Amino acid sequence: MDAGSLSQLEAGIWIDPDGCHHWMIDDGLEGYWDLRRDPVSGLPVCTNVAPPNSIVGDISRNPGIPDFTPGF
């Protein structure tokens, strides 16, 4: 998958147990996570916008690639 494809997806936010935000995108093949940082200070964004271990927003997926979990 190229970066152009990822830029077309909408990120959701996962709130970790400490209340810090993580950007997340699922393209159907892989999931991508990154700590959300304040653009001015560079510090992690941590608020009580939702309870810990919540997901805010829709985690978009590339409709052409279904999720796949190999059997063990």
PDB file of N, CA and C in Angstrom:
ATOM      1  N   MET A   1       0.847  -1.169   0.000  1.00  0.00           N
ATOM      2  CA  MET A   1       0.000   0.000   0.000  1.00  0.00           C
ATOM      3  C   MET A   1       0.890   1.229   0.000  1.00  0.00           C
ATOM      4  N   ASP A   2       0.546   2.228  -0.814  1.00  0.00           N
ATOM      5  CA  ASP A   2       1.359   3.441  -0.846  1.00  0.00           C
ATOM      6  C   ASP A   2       0.785   4.493   0.098  1.00  0.00           C
ATOM      7  N   ALA A   3       1.586   5.517   0.385  1.00  0.00           N
ATOM      8  CA  ALA A   3       1.172   6.558   1.331  1.00  0.00           C
ATOM      9  C   ALA A   3      -0.059   7.295   0.845  1.00  0.00           C
ATOM     10  N   GLY A   4      -0.257   7.399  -0.469  1.00  0.00           N
ATOM     11  CA  GLY A   4      -1.439   8.056  -1.002  1.00  0.00           C
ATOM     12  C   GLY A   4      -2.709   7.344  -0.593  1.00  0.00           C
ATOM     13  N   SER A   5      -2.664   6.019  -0.545  1.00  0.00           N
ATOM     14  CA  SER A   5      -3.835   5.253  -0.131  1.00  0.00           C
ATOM     15  C   SER A   5      -4.166   5.505   1.331  1.00  0.00           C
ATOM     16  N   LEU A   6      -3.159   5.545   2.181  1.00  0.00           N
ATOM     17  CA  LEU A   6      -3.390   5.799   3.605  1.00  0.00           C
ATOM     18  C   LEU A   6      -3.958   7.193   3.826  1.00  0.00           C
ATOM     19  N   SER A   7      -3.541   8.164   3.036  1.00  0.00           N
ATOM     20  CA  SER A   7      -4.015   9.528   3.230  1.00  0.00           C
ATOM     21  C   SER A   7      -5.503   9.661   2.909  1.00  0.00           C
ATOM     22  N   GLN A   8      -6.080   8.685   2.235  1.00  0.00           N
ATOM     23  CA  GLN A   8      -7.499   8.713   1.912  1.00  0.00           C
ATOM     24  C   GLN A   8      -8.363   8.152   3.035  1.00  0.00           C
ATOM     25  N   LEU A   9      -7.749   7.528   4.048  1.00  0.00           N
ATOM     26  CA  LEU A   9      -8.492   6.931   5.148  1.00  0.00           C
ATOM     27  C   LEU A   9      -8.688   7.929   6.281  1.00  0.00           C
ATOM     28  N   GLU A  10      -9.730   7.728   7.071  1.00  0.00           N
ATOM     29  CA  GLU A  10     -10.011   8.593   8.211  1.00  0.00           C
ATOM     30  C   GLU A  10      -9.546   7.918   9.489  1.00  0.00           C
ATOM     31  N   ALA A  11      -8.795   8.644  10.301  1.00  0.00           N
ATOM     32  CA  ALA A  11      -8.257   8.079  11.540  1.00  0.00           C
ATOM     33  C   ALA A  11      -9.276   8.188  12.669  1.00  0.00           C
ATOM     34  N   GLY A  12      -9.254   7.192  13.537  1.00  0.00           N
ATOM     35  CA  GLY A  12      -9.981   7.254  14.795  1.00  0.00           C
ATOM     36  C   GLY A  12      -8.969   7.519  15.892  1.00  0.00           C
ATOM     37  N   ILE A  13      -9.434   7.694  17.100  1.00  0.00           N
ATOM     38  CA  ILE A  13      -8.531   7.922  18.230  1.00  0.00           C
ATOM     39  C   ILE A  13      -8.834   6.896  19.310  1.00  0.00           C
ATOM     40  N   TRP A  14      -7.789   6.184  19.744  1.00  0.00           N
ATOM     41  CA  TRP A  14      -7.905   5.261  20.868  1.00  0.00           C
ATOM     42  C   TRP A  14      -7.397   5.991  22.100  1.00  0.00           C
ATOM     43  N   ILE A  15      -8.153   5.923  23.190  1.00  0.00           N
ATOM     44  CA  ILE A  15      -7.748   6.526  24.455  1.00  0.00           C
ATOM     45  C   ILE A  15      -7.111   5.428  25.309  1.00  0.00           C
ATOM     46  N   ASP A  16      -5.831   5.588  25.626  1.00  0.00           N
ATOM     47  CA  ASP A  16      -5.134   4.544  26.386  1.00  0.00           C
ATOM     48  C   ASP A  16      -5.517   4.606  27.874  1.00  0.00           C
ATOM     49  N   PRO A  17      -5.068   3.656  28.693  1.00  0.00           N
ATOM     50  CA  PRO A  17      -5.441   3.631  30.113  1.00  0.00           C
ATOM     51  C   PRO A  17      -5.041   4.898  30.886  1.00  0.00           C
ATOM     52  N   ASP A  18      -4.054   5.657  30.384  1.00  0.00           N
ATOM     53  CA  ASP A  18      -3.642   6.898  31.041  1.00  0.00           C
ATOM     54  C   ASP A  18      -4.412   8.114  30.538  1.00  0.00           C
ATOM     55  N   GLY A  19      -5.325   7.916  29.568  1.00  0.00           N
ATOM     56  CA  GLY A  19      -6.102   9.017  29.009  1.00  0.00           C
ATOM     57  C   GLY A  19      -5.435   9.708  27.832  1.00  0.00           C
ATOM     58  N   CYS A  20      -4.321   9.154  27.331  1.00  0.00           N
ATOM     59  CA  CYS A  20      -3.618   9.760  26.196  1.00  0.00           C
ATOM     60  C   CYS A  20      -4.175   9.223  24.880  1.00  0.00           C
ATOM     61  N   HIS A  21      -4.153  10.077  23.868  1.00  0.00           N
ATOM     62  CA  HIS A  21      -4.754   9.761  22.577  1.00  0.00           C
ATOM     63  C   HIS A  21      -3.737   9.129  21.626  1.00  0.00           C
ATOM     64  N   HIS A  22      -4.214   8.186  20.817  1.00  0.00           N
ATOM     65  CA  HIS A  22      -3.391   7.552  19.785  1.00  0.00           C
ATOM     66  C   HIS A  22      -4.195   7.534  18.493  1.00  0.00           C
ATOM     67  N   TRP A  23      -3.633   8.110  17.413  1.00  0.00           N
ATOM     68  CA  TRP A  23      -4.266   8.027  16.104  1.00  0.00           C
ATOM     69  C   TRP A  23      -4.255   6.567  15.682  1.00  0.00           C
ATOM     70  N   MET A  24      -5.323   6.106  15.040  1.00  0.00           N
ATOM     71  CA  MET A  24      -5.342   4.731  14.549  1.00  0.00           C
ATOM     72  C   MET A  24      -6.120   4.655  13.243  1.00  0.00           C
ATOM     73  N   ILE A  25      -5.574   3.861  12.320  1.00  0.00           N
ATOM     74  CA  ILE A  25      -6.196   3.614  11.018  1.00  0.00           C
ATOM     75  C   ILE A  25      -6.038   2.134  10.717  1.00  0.00           C
ATOM     76  N   ASP A  26      -7.075   1.538  10.158  1.00  0.00           N
ATOM     77  CA  ASP A  26      -7.023   0.141   9.719  1.00  0.00           C
ATOM     78  C   ASP A  26      -7.324   0.117   8.233  1.00  0.00           C
ATOM     79  N   ASP A  27      -6.356  -0.320   7.433  1.00  0.00           N
ATOM     80  CA  ASP A  27      -6.581  -0.381   5.988  1.00  0.00           C
ATOM     81  C   ASP A  27      -7.095  -1.745   5.548  1.00  0.00           C
ATOM     82  N   GLY A  28      -7.413  -2.606   6.507  1.00  0.00           N
ATOM     83  CA  GLY A  28      -7.922  -3.936   6.194  1.00  0.00           C
ATOM     84  C   GLY A  28      -6.832  -4.983   6.179  1.00  0.00           C
ATOM     85  N   LEU A  29      -5.609  -4.578   5.978  1.00  0.00           N
ATOM     86  CA  LEU A  29      -4.485  -5.491   5.944  1.00  0.00           C
ATOM     87  C   LEU A  29      -3.624  -5.316   7.190  1.00  0.00           C
ATOM     88  N   GLU A  30      -3.448  -4.056   7.576  1.00  0.00           N
ATOM     89  CA  GLU A  30      -2.650  -3.729   8.754  1.00  0.00           C
ATOM     90  C   GLU A  30      -3.334  -2.604   9.506  1.00  0.00           C
ATOM     91  N   GLY A  31      -2.995  -2.478  10.777  1.00  0.00           N
ATOM     92  CA  GLY A  31      -3.446  -1.348  11.570  1.00  0.00           C
ATOM     93  C   GLY A  31      -2.265  -0.438  11.838  1.00  0.00           C
ATOM     94  N   TYR A  32      -2.509   0.849  11.866  1.00  0.00           N
ATOM     95  CA  TYR A  32      -1.448   1.830  12.092  1.00  0.00           C
ATOM     96  C   TYR A  32      -1.815   2.660  13.309  1.00  0.00           C
ATOM     97  N   TRP A  33      -0.853   2.867  14.209  1.00  0.00           N
ATOM     98  CA  TRP A  33      -1.062   3.602  15.452  1.00  0.00           C
ATOM     99  C   TRP A  33       0.048   4.631  15.598  1.00  0.00           C
ATOM    100  N   ASP A  34      -0.287   5.781  16.165  1.00  0.00           N
ATOM    101  CA  ASP A  34       0.732   6.778  16.474  1.00  0.00           C
ATOM    102  C   ASP A  34       0.213   7.654  17.602  1.00  0.00           C
ATOM    103  N   LEU A  35       1.074   8.021  18.503  1.00  0.00           N
ATOM    104  CA  LEU A  35       0.712   8.873  19.620  1.00  0.00           C
ATOM    105  C   LEU A  35       0.300  10.244  19.081  1.00  0.00           C
ATOM    106  N   ARG A  36      -0.827  10.753  19.547  1.00  0.00           N
ATOM    107  CA  ARG A  36      -1.281  12.081  19.146  1.00  0.00           C
ATOM    108  C   ARG A  36      -0.529  13.108  19.980  1.00  0.00           C
ATOM    109  N   ARG A  37       0.103  14.067  19.311  1.00  0.00           N
ATOM    110  CA  ARG A  37       0.913  15.073  20.004  1.00  0.00           C
ATOM    111  C   ARG A  37       0.390  16.474  19.707  1.00  0.00           C
ATOM    112  N   ASP A  38       0.560  17.359  20.676  1.00  0.00           N
ATOM    113  CA  ASP A  38       0.219  18.760  20.492  1.00  0.00           C
ATOM    114  C   ASP A  38       1.184  19.349  19.465  1.00  0.00           C
ATOM    115  N   PRO A  39       0.676  20.016  18.422  1.00  0.00           N
ATOM    116  CA  PRO A  39       1.574  20.522  17.380  1.00  0.00           C
ATOM    117  C   PRO A  39       2.525  21.627  17.854  1.00  0.00           C
ATOM    118  N   VAL A  40       2.187  22.323  18.921  1.00  0.00           N
ATOM    119  CA  VAL A  40       3.042  23.402  19.415  1.00  0.00           C
ATOM    120  C   VAL A  40       4.092  22.878  20.391  1.00  0.00           C
ATOM    121  N   SER A  41       3.653  22.148  21.406  1.00  0.00           N
ATOM    122  CA  SER A  41       4.588  21.695  22.452  1.00  0.00           C
ATOM    123  C   SER A  41       5.247  20.355  22.133  1.00  0.00           C
ATOM    124  N   GLY A  42       4.596  19.538  21.299  1.00  0.00           N
ATOM    125  CA  GLY A  42       5.115  18.207  21.003  1.00  0.00           C
ATOM    126  C   GLY A  42       4.789  17.191  22.082  1.00  0.00           C
ATOM    127  N   LEU A  43       4.081  17.627  23.125  1.00  0.00           N
ATOM    128  CA  LEU A  43       3.714  16.728  24.221  1.00  0.00           C
ATOM    129  C   LEU A  43       2.504  15.882  23.840  1.00  0.00           C
ATOM    130  N   PRO A  44       2.363  14.687  24.433  1.00  0.00           N
ATOM    131  CA  PRO A  44       1.200  13.857  24.152  1.00  0.00           C
ATOM    132  C   PRO A  44      -0.093  14.575  24.545  1.00  0.00           C
ATOM    133  N   VAL A  45      -1.147  14.339  23.760  1.00  0.00           N
ATOM    134  CA  VAL A  45      -2.464  14.884  24.075  1.00  0.00           C
ATOM    135  C   VAL A  45      -3.166  13.874  24.971  1.00  0.00           C
ATOM    136  N   CYS A  46      -3.474  14.286  26.200  1.00  0.00           N
ATOM    137  CA  CYS A  46      -4.135  13.418  27.182  1.00  0.00           C
ATOM    138  C   CYS A  46      -5.289  14.205  27.790  1.00  0.00           C
ATOM    139  N   THR A  47      -6.523  13.780  27.519  1.00  0.00           N
ATOM    140  CA  THR A  47      -7.705  14.456  28.054  1.00  0.00           C
ATOM    141  C   THR A  47      -8.726  13.405  28.461  1.00  0.00           C
ATOM    142  N   ASN A  48      -9.797  13.847  29.062  1.00  0.00           N
ATOM    143  CA  ASN A  48     -10.854  12.934  29.465  1.00  0.00           C
ATOM    144  C   ASN A  48     -12.044  12.996  28.502  1.00  0.00           C
ATOM    145  N   VAL A  49     -11.770  13.128  27.202  1.00  0.00           N
ATOM    146  CA  VAL A  49     -12.830  13.213  26.196  1.00  0.00           C
ATOM    147  C   VAL A  49     -13.669  11.932  26.157  1.00  0.00           C
ATOM    148  N   ALA A  50     -13.086  10.824  26.559  1.00  0.00           N
ATOM    149  CA  ALA A  50     -13.787   9.537  26.601  1.00  0.00           C
ATOM    150  C   ALA A  50     -13.115   8.671  27.667  1.00  0.00           C
ATOM    151  N   PRO A  51     -13.801   7.623  28.132  1.00  0.00           N
ATOM    152  CA  PRO A  51     -13.192   6.745  29.132  1.00  0.00           C
ATOM    153  C   PRO A  51     -11.951   6.027  28.579  1.00  0.00           C
ATOM    154  N   PRO A  52     -11.004   5.659  29.451  1.00  0.00           N
ATOM    155  CA  PRO A  52      -9.832   4.894  29.006  1.00  0.00           C
ATOM    156  C   PRO A  52     -10.249   3.637  28.242  1.00  0.00           C
ATOM    157  N   ASN A  53      -9.425   3.248  27.286  1.00  0.00           N
ATOM    158  CA  ASN A  53      -9.639   2.093  26.407  1.00  0.00           C
ATOM    159  C   ASN A  53     -10.850   2.251  25.498  1.00  0.00           C
ATOM    160  N   SER A  54     -11.232   3.506  25.199  1.00  0.00           N
ATOM    161  CA  SER A  54     -12.320   3.789  24.260  1.00  0.00           C
ATOM    162  C   SER A  54     -11.748   4.135  22.903  1.00  0.00           C
ATOM    163  N   ILE A  55     -12.577   4.015  21.883  1.00  0.00           N
ATOM    164  CA  ILE A  55     -12.231   4.466  20.537  1.00  0.00           C
ATOM    165  C   ILE A  55     -13.211   5.563  20.169  1.00  0.00           C
ATOM    166  N   VAL A  56     -12.679   6.697  19.710  1.00  0.00           N
ATOM    167  CA  VAL A  56     -13.489   7.825  19.290  1.00  0.00           C
ATOM    168  C   VAL A  56     -13.342   7.957  17.784  1.00  0.00           C
ATOM    169  N   GLY A  57     -14.459   8.008  17.073  1.00  0.00           N
ATOM    170  CA  GLY A  57     -14.420   8.128  15.619  1.00  0.00           C
ATOM    171  C   GLY A  57     -14.504   6.772  14.955  1.00  0.00           C
ATOM    172  N   ASP A  58     -14.532   6.812  13.646  1.00  0.00           N
ATOM    173  CA  ASP A  58     -14.639   5.603  12.847  1.00  0.00           C
ATOM    174  C   ASP A  58     -13.254   5.191  12.376  1.00  0.00           C
ATOM    175  N   ILE A  59     -12.928   3.935  12.526  1.00  0.00           N
ATOM    176  CA  ILE A  59     -11.646   3.425  12.038  1.00  0.00           C
ATOM    177  C   ILE A  59     -11.910   2.910  10.635  1.00  0.00           C
ATOM    178  N   SER A  60     -11.618   3.739   9.657  1.00  0.00           N
ATOM    179  CA  SER A  60     -11.925   3.377   8.276  1.00  0.00           C
ATOM    180  C   SER A  60     -11.041   2.251   7.800  1.00  0.00           C
ATOM    181  N   ARG A  61     -11.589   1.512   6.872  1.00  0.00           N
ATOM    182  CA  ARG A  61     -10.879   0.387   6.295  1.00  0.00           C
ATOM    183  C   ARG A  61     -10.995   0.483   4.784  1.00  0.00           C
ATOM    184  N   ASN A  62      -9.985   0.065   4.099  1.00  0.00           N
ATOM    185  CA  ASN A  62     -10.037   0.005   2.645  1.00  0.00           C
ATOM    186  C   ASN A  62     -11.061  -1.061   2.275  1.00  0.00           C
ATOM    187  N   PRO A  63     -12.160  -0.687   1.625  1.00  0.00           N
ATOM    188  CA  PRO A  63     -13.203  -1.670   1.334  1.00  0.00           C
ATOM    189  C   PRO A  63     -12.769  -2.763   0.366  1.00  0.00           C
ATOM    190  N   GLY A  64     -11.682  -2.551  -0.361  1.00  0.00           N
ATOM    191  CA  GLY A  64     -11.232  -3.552  -1.312  1.00  0.00           C
ATOM    192  C   GLY A  64     -10.388  -4.646  -0.704  1.00  0.00           C
ATOM    193  N   ILE A  65      -9.971  -4.483   0.548  1.00  0.00           N
ATOM    194  CA  ILE A  65      -9.117  -5.468   1.198  1.00  0.00           C
ATOM    195  C   ILE A  65      -9.790  -5.915   2.482  1.00  0.00           C
ATOM    196  N   PRO A  66     -10.329  -7.123   2.542  1.00  0.00           N
ATOM    197  CA  PRO A  66     -11.004  -7.578   3.766  1.00  0.00           C
ATOM    198  C   PRO A  66      -9.974  -7.882   4.865  1.00  0.00           C
ATOM    199  N   ASP A  67     -10.423  -7.782   6.127  1.00  0.00           N
ATOM    200  CA  ASP A  67      -9.562  -8.175   7.241  1.00  0.00           C
ATOM    201  C   ASP A  67      -9.276  -9.677   7.125  1.00  0.00           C
ATOM    202  N   PHE A  68      -8.058 -10.044   7.494  1.00  0.00           N
ATOM    203  CA  PHE A  68      -7.656 -11.445   7.391  1.00  0.00           C
ATOM    204  C   PHE A  68      -6.877 -11.828   8.644  1.00  0.00           C
ATOM    205  N   THR A  69      -7.317 -12.863   9.292  1.00  0.00           N
ATOM    206  CA  THR A  69      -6.592 -13.400  10.435  1.00  0.00           C
ATOM    207  C   THR A  69      -6.245 -14.844  10.115  1.00  0.00           C
ATOM    208  N   PRO A  70      -4.954 -15.164  10.009  1.00  0.00           N
ATOM    209  CA  PRO A  70      -4.598 -16.535   9.685  1.00  0.00           C
ATOM    210  C   PRO A  70      -4.996 -17.507  10.810  1.00  0.00           C
ATOM    211  N   GLY A  71      -5.381 -18.704  10.434  1.00  0.00           N
ATOM    212  CA  GLY A  71      -5.721 -19.721  11.427  1.00  0.00           C
ATOM    213  C   GLY A  71      -4.475 -20.321  12.041  1.00  0.00           C
ATOM    214  N   PHE A  72      -4.560 -20.710  13.277  1.00  0.00           N
ATOM    215  CA  PHE A  72      -3.408 -21.311  13.958  1.00  0.00           C
ATOM    216  C   PHE A  72      -3.666 -22.751  14.252  1.00  0.00           C
TER     217      PHE A  72
END
